[in-house]
Amino acid sequence: MELFFIFVVMRVIAKKTLREFWLKHKDAEQQIKSWHREVDRAVWRSPADVRTEYVTASFLADNRVVFNIKGNRYRIVVKINYEFGIVWVRFIGTHAQYDKIDATKI
């Protein structure tokens, strides 16, 4: 009996949200595009896989992850469904804007 493993490549949902943000914050454009490209090609089966690539990422309840962009000037909060390979962008903003939200509930 042979075992086959299916590796699901992640898919970022809401590139439009990212695009709208980088159009307003030109200094973050290249880093957001790089983050999107990296995540869109990633194969993450668990938070440990994310941690391997993003050591500064913060992990919250309900599979939410906070990524620091441009030296922590900006933050992206996502919710990840590892089984289906989906990364939902729940928030993108400045560090100051992030401080005003509850990232566990967005």
N, C-alpha and C. Protein backbone atom coordinates (compact mmCIF):
# COMPACT_ATOMS: atom_id res chain seq x y z
N MET A 1 0.84 -1.19 0.00
CA MET A 1 0.00 0.00 0.00
C MET A 1 0.88 1.25 0.00
N GLU A 2 0.66 2.10 -0.94
CA GLU A 2 1.44 3.33 -1.04
C GLU A 2 0.68 4.48 -0.38
N LEU A 3 1.44 5.35 0.25
CA LEU A 3 0.86 6.55 0.85
C LEU A 3 1.22 7.75 -0.01
N PHE A 4 0.24 8.56 -0.25
CA PHE A 4 0.48 9.78 -1.01
C PHE A 4 0.16 10.98 -0.13
N PHE A 5 1.00 11.95 -0.19
CA PHE A 5 0.77 13.17 0.56
C PHE A 5 0.45 14.28 -0.43
N ILE A 6 -0.59 14.97 -0.13
CA ILE A 6 -0.98 16.10 -0.97
C ILE A 6 -0.51 17.37 -0.29
N PHE A 7 0.26 18.16 -1.00
CA PHE A 7 0.74 19.42 -0.47
C PHE A 7 -0.09 20.54 -1.07
N VAL A 8 -0.73 21.27 -0.23
CA VAL A 8 -1.61 22.34 -0.68
C VAL A 8 -0.84 23.66 -0.65
N VAL A 9 -0.76 24.29 -1.80
CA VAL A 9 -0.13 25.60 -1.89
C VAL A 9 -1.13 26.62 -1.37
N MET A 10 -0.66 27.56 -0.55
CA MET A 10 -1.54 28.54 0.05
C MET A 10 -2.08 29.50 -1.01
N ARG A 11 -3.26 30.00 -0.75
CA ARG A 11 -3.89 30.99 -1.63
C ARG A 11 -4.31 32.17 -0.77
N VAL A 12 -3.82 33.34 -1.12
CA VAL A 12 -4.15 34.55 -0.37
C VAL A 12 -5.45 35.12 -0.91
N ILE A 13 -6.39 35.33 0.00
CA ILE A 13 -7.67 35.91 -0.39
C ILE A 13 -7.66 37.37 0.01
N ALA A 14 -7.99 38.20 -0.94
CA ALA A 14 -8.11 39.65 -0.78
C ALA A 14 -6.85 40.38 -1.20
N LYS A 15 -6.30 40.00 -2.33
CA LYS A 15 -5.17 40.77 -2.86
C LYS A 15 -5.60 42.21 -3.11
N LYS A 16 -6.87 42.39 -3.43
CA LYS A 16 -7.38 43.74 -3.66
C LYS A 16 -7.17 44.61 -2.42
N THR A 17 -7.39 44.04 -1.25
CA THR A 17 -7.19 44.77 0.00
C THR A 17 -5.73 45.19 0.14
N LEU A 18 -4.82 44.28 -0.19
CA LEU A 18 -3.39 44.60 -0.14
C LEU A 18 -3.05 45.69 -1.14
N ARG A 19 -3.57 45.56 -2.35
CA ARG A 19 -3.29 46.55 -3.41
C ARG A 19 -3.78 47.94 -3.01
N GLU A 20 -4.99 48.02 -2.48
CA GLU A 20 -5.53 49.31 -2.06
C GLU A 20 -4.65 49.93 -0.97
N PHE A 21 -4.11 49.11 -0.10
CA PHE A 21 -3.25 49.62 0.96
C PHE A 21 -1.93 50.13 0.40
N TRP A 22 -1.28 49.36 -0.48
CA TRP A 22 0.02 49.81 -0.97
C TRP A 22 -0.10 51.01 -1.89
N LEU A 23 -1.26 51.22 -2.51
CA LEU A 23 -1.44 52.43 -3.30
C LEU A 23 -1.46 53.68 -2.42
N LYS A 24 -1.91 53.52 -1.17
CA LYS A 24 -1.92 54.63 -0.21
C LYS A 24 -0.60 54.75 0.54
N HIS A 25 0.13 53.66 0.63
CA HIS A 25 1.38 53.60 1.39
C HIS A 25 2.47 53.05 0.48
N LYS A 26 2.93 53.90 -0.44
CA LYS A 26 3.88 53.49 -1.47
C LYS A 26 5.16 52.89 -0.89
N ASP A 27 5.56 53.34 0.29
CA ASP A 27 6.80 52.83 0.88
C ASP A 27 6.70 51.35 1.27
N ALA A 28 5.48 50.82 1.34
CA ALA A 28 5.28 49.42 1.71
C ALA A 28 5.00 48.53 0.51
N GLU A 29 4.85 49.11 -0.66
CA GLU A 29 4.41 48.35 -1.82
C GLU A 29 5.27 47.12 -2.11
N GLN A 30 6.57 47.29 -2.23
CA GLN A 30 7.42 46.16 -2.60
C GLN A 30 7.43 45.07 -1.53
N GLN A 31 7.42 45.46 -0.27
CA GLN A 31 7.43 44.44 0.78
C GLN A 31 6.09 43.69 0.85
N ILE A 32 5.00 44.39 0.63
CA ILE A 32 3.70 43.71 0.61
C ILE A 32 3.62 42.77 -0.58
N LYS A 33 4.08 43.21 -1.73
CA LYS A 33 4.09 42.35 -2.92
C LYS A 33 4.96 41.11 -2.68
N SER A 34 6.12 41.30 -2.06
CA SER A 34 7.00 40.17 -1.75
C SER A 34 6.34 39.21 -0.79
N TRP A 35 5.72 39.75 0.26
CA TRP A 35 5.02 38.91 1.24
C TRP A 35 3.93 38.09 0.53
N HIS A 36 3.14 38.75 -0.30
CA HIS A 36 2.07 38.07 -1.02
C HIS A 36 2.62 36.95 -1.91
N ARG A 37 3.66 37.24 -2.65
CA ARG A 37 4.27 36.26 -3.54
C ARG A 37 4.79 35.05 -2.75
N GLU A 38 5.45 35.31 -1.63
CA GLU A 38 5.98 34.22 -0.80
C GLU A 38 4.86 33.36 -0.22
N VAL A 39 3.83 34.00 0.30
CA VAL A 39 2.73 33.26 0.91
C VAL A 39 1.96 32.49 -0.15
N ASP A 40 1.78 33.08 -1.31
CA ASP A 40 1.05 32.43 -2.40
C ASP A 40 1.75 31.16 -2.89
N ARG A 41 3.03 31.01 -2.61
CA ARG A 41 3.79 29.83 -3.03
C ARG A 41 4.08 28.88 -1.87
N ALA A 42 3.72 29.29 -0.67
CA ALA A 42 4.05 28.50 0.51
C ALA A 42 3.20 27.24 0.62
N VAL A 43 3.75 26.26 1.30
CA VAL A 43 3.01 25.05 1.66
C VAL A 43 3.08 24.96 3.18
N TRP A 44 2.01 25.41 3.81
CA TRP A 44 1.96 25.42 5.27
C TRP A 44 0.90 24.43 5.74
N ARG A 45 1.31 23.51 6.57
CA ARG A 45 0.38 22.54 7.13
C ARG A 45 0.08 22.82 8.60
N SER A 46 0.87 23.74 9.18
CA SER A 46 0.70 24.05 10.60
C SER A 46 1.39 25.37 10.91
N PRO A 47 1.13 25.93 12.10
CA PRO A 47 1.85 27.15 12.50
C PRO A 47 3.37 26.96 12.51
N ALA A 48 3.83 25.76 12.77
CA ALA A 48 5.28 25.51 12.77
C ALA A 48 5.89 25.79 11.40
N ASP A 49 5.16 25.48 10.34
CA ASP A 49 5.64 25.77 8.99
C ASP A 49 5.75 27.27 8.75
N VAL A 50 4.78 28.02 9.25
CA VAL A 50 4.82 29.48 9.12
C VAL A 50 6.02 30.02 9.89
N ARG A 51 6.22 29.52 11.10
CA ARG A 51 7.31 29.99 11.97
C ARG A 51 8.67 29.77 11.32
N THR A 52 8.79 28.70 10.55
CA THR A 52 10.05 28.42 9.86
C THR A 52 10.42 29.53 8.89
N GLU A 53 9.43 30.08 8.21
CA GLU A 53 9.67 31.12 7.22
C GLU A 53 9.60 32.53 7.80
N TYR A 54 8.79 32.72 8.82
CA TYR A 54 8.56 34.05 9.40
C TYR A 54 8.75 33.98 10.92
N VAL A 55 9.99 34.09 11.33
CA VAL A 55 10.30 33.93 12.76
C VAL A 55 9.72 35.05 13.62
N THR A 56 9.43 36.20 13.03
CA THR A 56 8.88 37.31 13.82
C THR A 56 7.36 37.34 13.81
N ALA A 57 6.73 36.41 13.13
CA ALA A 57 5.26 36.37 13.10
C ALA A 57 4.74 36.07 14.50
N SER A 58 3.58 36.66 14.80
CA SER A 58 2.91 36.41 16.09
C SER A 58 1.69 35.55 15.83
N PHE A 59 1.51 34.55 16.68
CA PHE A 59 0.41 33.61 16.51
C PHE A 59 -0.65 33.88 17.57
N LEU A 60 -1.90 34.01 17.10
CA LEU A 60 -3.02 34.30 17.97
C LEU A 60 -4.01 33.13 17.91
N ALA A 61 -5.04 33.23 18.73
CA ALA A 61 -6.09 32.20 18.74
C ALA A 61 -6.78 32.11 17.39
N ASP A 62 -7.42 30.99 17.16
CA ASP A 62 -8.25 30.77 15.97
C ASP A 62 -7.45 30.89 14.67
N ASN A 63 -6.22 30.39 14.68
CA ASN A 63 -5.35 30.36 13.50
C ASN A 63 -5.09 31.73 12.88
N ARG A 64 -5.06 32.75 13.70
CA ARG A 64 -4.71 34.08 13.21
C ARG A 64 -3.20 34.30 13.39
N VAL A 65 -2.62 34.97 12.41
CA VAL A 65 -1.19 35.25 12.44
C VAL A 65 -0.98 36.71 12.09
N VAL A 66 -0.06 37.35 12.80
CA VAL A 66 0.28 38.75 12.55
C VAL A 66 1.67 38.79 11.94
N PHE A 67 1.77 39.41 10.76
CA PHE A 67 3.05 39.56 10.07
C PHE A 67 3.48 41.03 10.15
N ASN A 68 4.74 41.24 10.44
CA ASN A 68 5.31 42.58 10.47
C ASN A 68 5.86 42.91 9.09
N ILE A 69 5.51 44.07 8.60
CA ILE A 69 5.95 44.51 7.27
C ILE A 69 6.74 45.80 7.43
N LYS A 70 7.81 45.90 6.69
CA LYS A 70 8.66 47.10 6.67
C LYS A 70 9.13 47.47 8.07
N GLY A 71 9.82 46.54 8.69
CA GLY A 71 10.41 46.80 10.00
C GLY A 71 9.37 47.06 11.08
N ASN A 72 8.24 46.41 10.97
CA ASN A 72 7.15 46.52 11.95
C ASN A 72 6.39 47.84 11.85
N ARG A 73 6.61 48.57 10.78
CA ARG A 73 5.85 49.81 10.58
C ARG A 73 4.40 49.51 10.22
N TYR A 74 4.22 48.39 9.50
CA TYR A 74 2.89 47.97 9.08
C TYR A 74 2.65 46.54 9.58
N ARG A 75 1.37 46.18 9.68
CA ARG A 75 1.02 44.84 10.12
C ARG A 75 -0.06 44.26 9.22
N ILE A 76 0.06 42.97 8.98
CA ILE A 76 -0.96 42.23 8.26
C ILE A 76 -1.44 41.13 9.21
N VAL A 77 -2.76 41.08 9.41
CA VAL A 77 -3.36 40.02 10.22
C VAL A 77 -4.13 39.12 9.27
N VAL A 78 -3.84 37.83 9.36
CA VAL A 78 -4.52 36.85 8.52
C VAL A 78 -5.13 35.75 9.37
N LYS A 79 -6.07 35.06 8.78
CA LYS A 79 -6.61 33.84 9.38
C LYS A 79 -6.30 32.73 8.38
N ILE A 80 -5.70 31.65 8.87
CA ILE A 80 -5.23 30.59 7.98
C ILE A 80 -6.05 29.32 8.17
N ASN A 81 -6.47 28.77 7.05
CA ASN A 81 -7.08 27.45 7.04
C ASN A 81 -6.02 26.54 6.42
N TYR A 82 -5.31 25.81 7.26
CA TYR A 82 -4.21 24.97 6.80
C TYR A 82 -4.69 23.82 5.92
N GLU A 83 -5.80 23.25 6.26
CA GLU A 83 -6.31 22.09 5.52
C GLU A 83 -6.61 22.42 4.06
N PHE A 84 -7.20 23.60 3.82
CA PHE A 84 -7.58 23.99 2.47
C PHE A 84 -6.61 24.97 1.82
N GLY A 85 -5.58 25.38 2.56
CA GLY A 85 -4.57 26.25 1.98
C GLY A 85 -5.05 27.66 1.71
N ILE A 86 -5.84 28.21 2.62
CA ILE A 86 -6.39 29.55 2.41
C ILE A 86 -5.85 30.50 3.48
N VAL A 87 -5.40 31.65 3.03
CA VAL A 87 -4.92 32.72 3.92
C VAL A 87 -5.82 33.92 3.68
N TRP A 88 -6.70 34.22 4.64
CA TRP A 88 -7.60 35.36 4.52
C TRP A 88 -6.97 36.59 5.17
N VAL A 89 -6.83 37.65 4.39
CA VAL A 89 -6.34 38.91 4.95
C VAL A 89 -7.50 39.52 5.74
N ARG A 90 -7.31 39.67 7.04
CA ARG A 90 -8.36 40.21 7.91
C ARG A 90 -8.12 41.69 8.22
N PHE A 91 -6.84 42.11 8.15
CA PHE A 91 -6.49 43.50 8.48
C PHE A 91 -5.13 43.79 7.88
N ILE A 92 -4.98 45.01 7.38
CA ILE A 92 -3.66 45.54 7.04
C ILE A 92 -3.69 47.00 7.43
N GLY A 93 -2.65 47.43 8.12
CA GLY A 93 -2.61 48.82 8.56
C GLY A 93 -1.29 49.17 9.21
N THR A 94 -1.23 50.40 9.67
CA THR A 94 -0.03 50.84 10.37
C THR A 94 0.02 50.19 11.75
N HIS A 95 1.16 50.26 12.37
CA HIS A 95 1.29 49.71 13.72
C HIS A 95 0.32 50.43 14.65
N ALA A 96 0.19 51.75 14.50
CA ALA A 96 -0.75 52.52 15.34
C ALA A 96 -2.19 52.07 15.13
N GLN A 97 -2.58 51.80 13.89
CA GLN A 97 -3.94 51.31 13.61
C GLN A 97 -4.13 49.92 14.21
N TYR A 98 -3.11 49.09 14.13
CA TYR A 98 -3.18 47.75 14.69
C TYR A 98 -3.41 47.81 16.19
N ASP A 99 -2.78 48.74 16.86
CA ASP A 99 -2.93 48.88 18.31
C ASP A 99 -4.37 49.19 18.72
N LYS A 100 -5.19 49.65 17.79
CA LYS A 100 -6.58 50.04 18.10
C LYS A 100 -7.58 48.92 17.81
N ILE A 101 -7.13 47.80 17.29
CA ILE A 101 -8.06 46.71 16.96
C ILE A 101 -7.84 45.54 17.90
N ASP A 102 -8.78 44.62 17.90
CA ASP A 102 -8.62 43.35 18.59
C ASP A 102 -8.38 42.30 17.51
N ALA A 103 -7.14 41.98 17.29
CA ALA A 103 -6.77 41.07 16.19
C ALA A 103 -7.36 39.68 16.35
N THR A 104 -7.78 39.32 17.54
CA THR A 104 -8.35 37.99 17.75
C THR A 104 -9.81 37.92 17.30
N LYS A 105 -10.41 39.07 17.00
CA LYS A 105 -11.83 39.09 16.65
C LYS A 105 -12.14 39.62 15.26
N ILE A 106 -11.16 40.08 14.55
CA ILE A 106 -11.44 40.61 13.22
C ILE A 106 -11.48 39.52 12.19
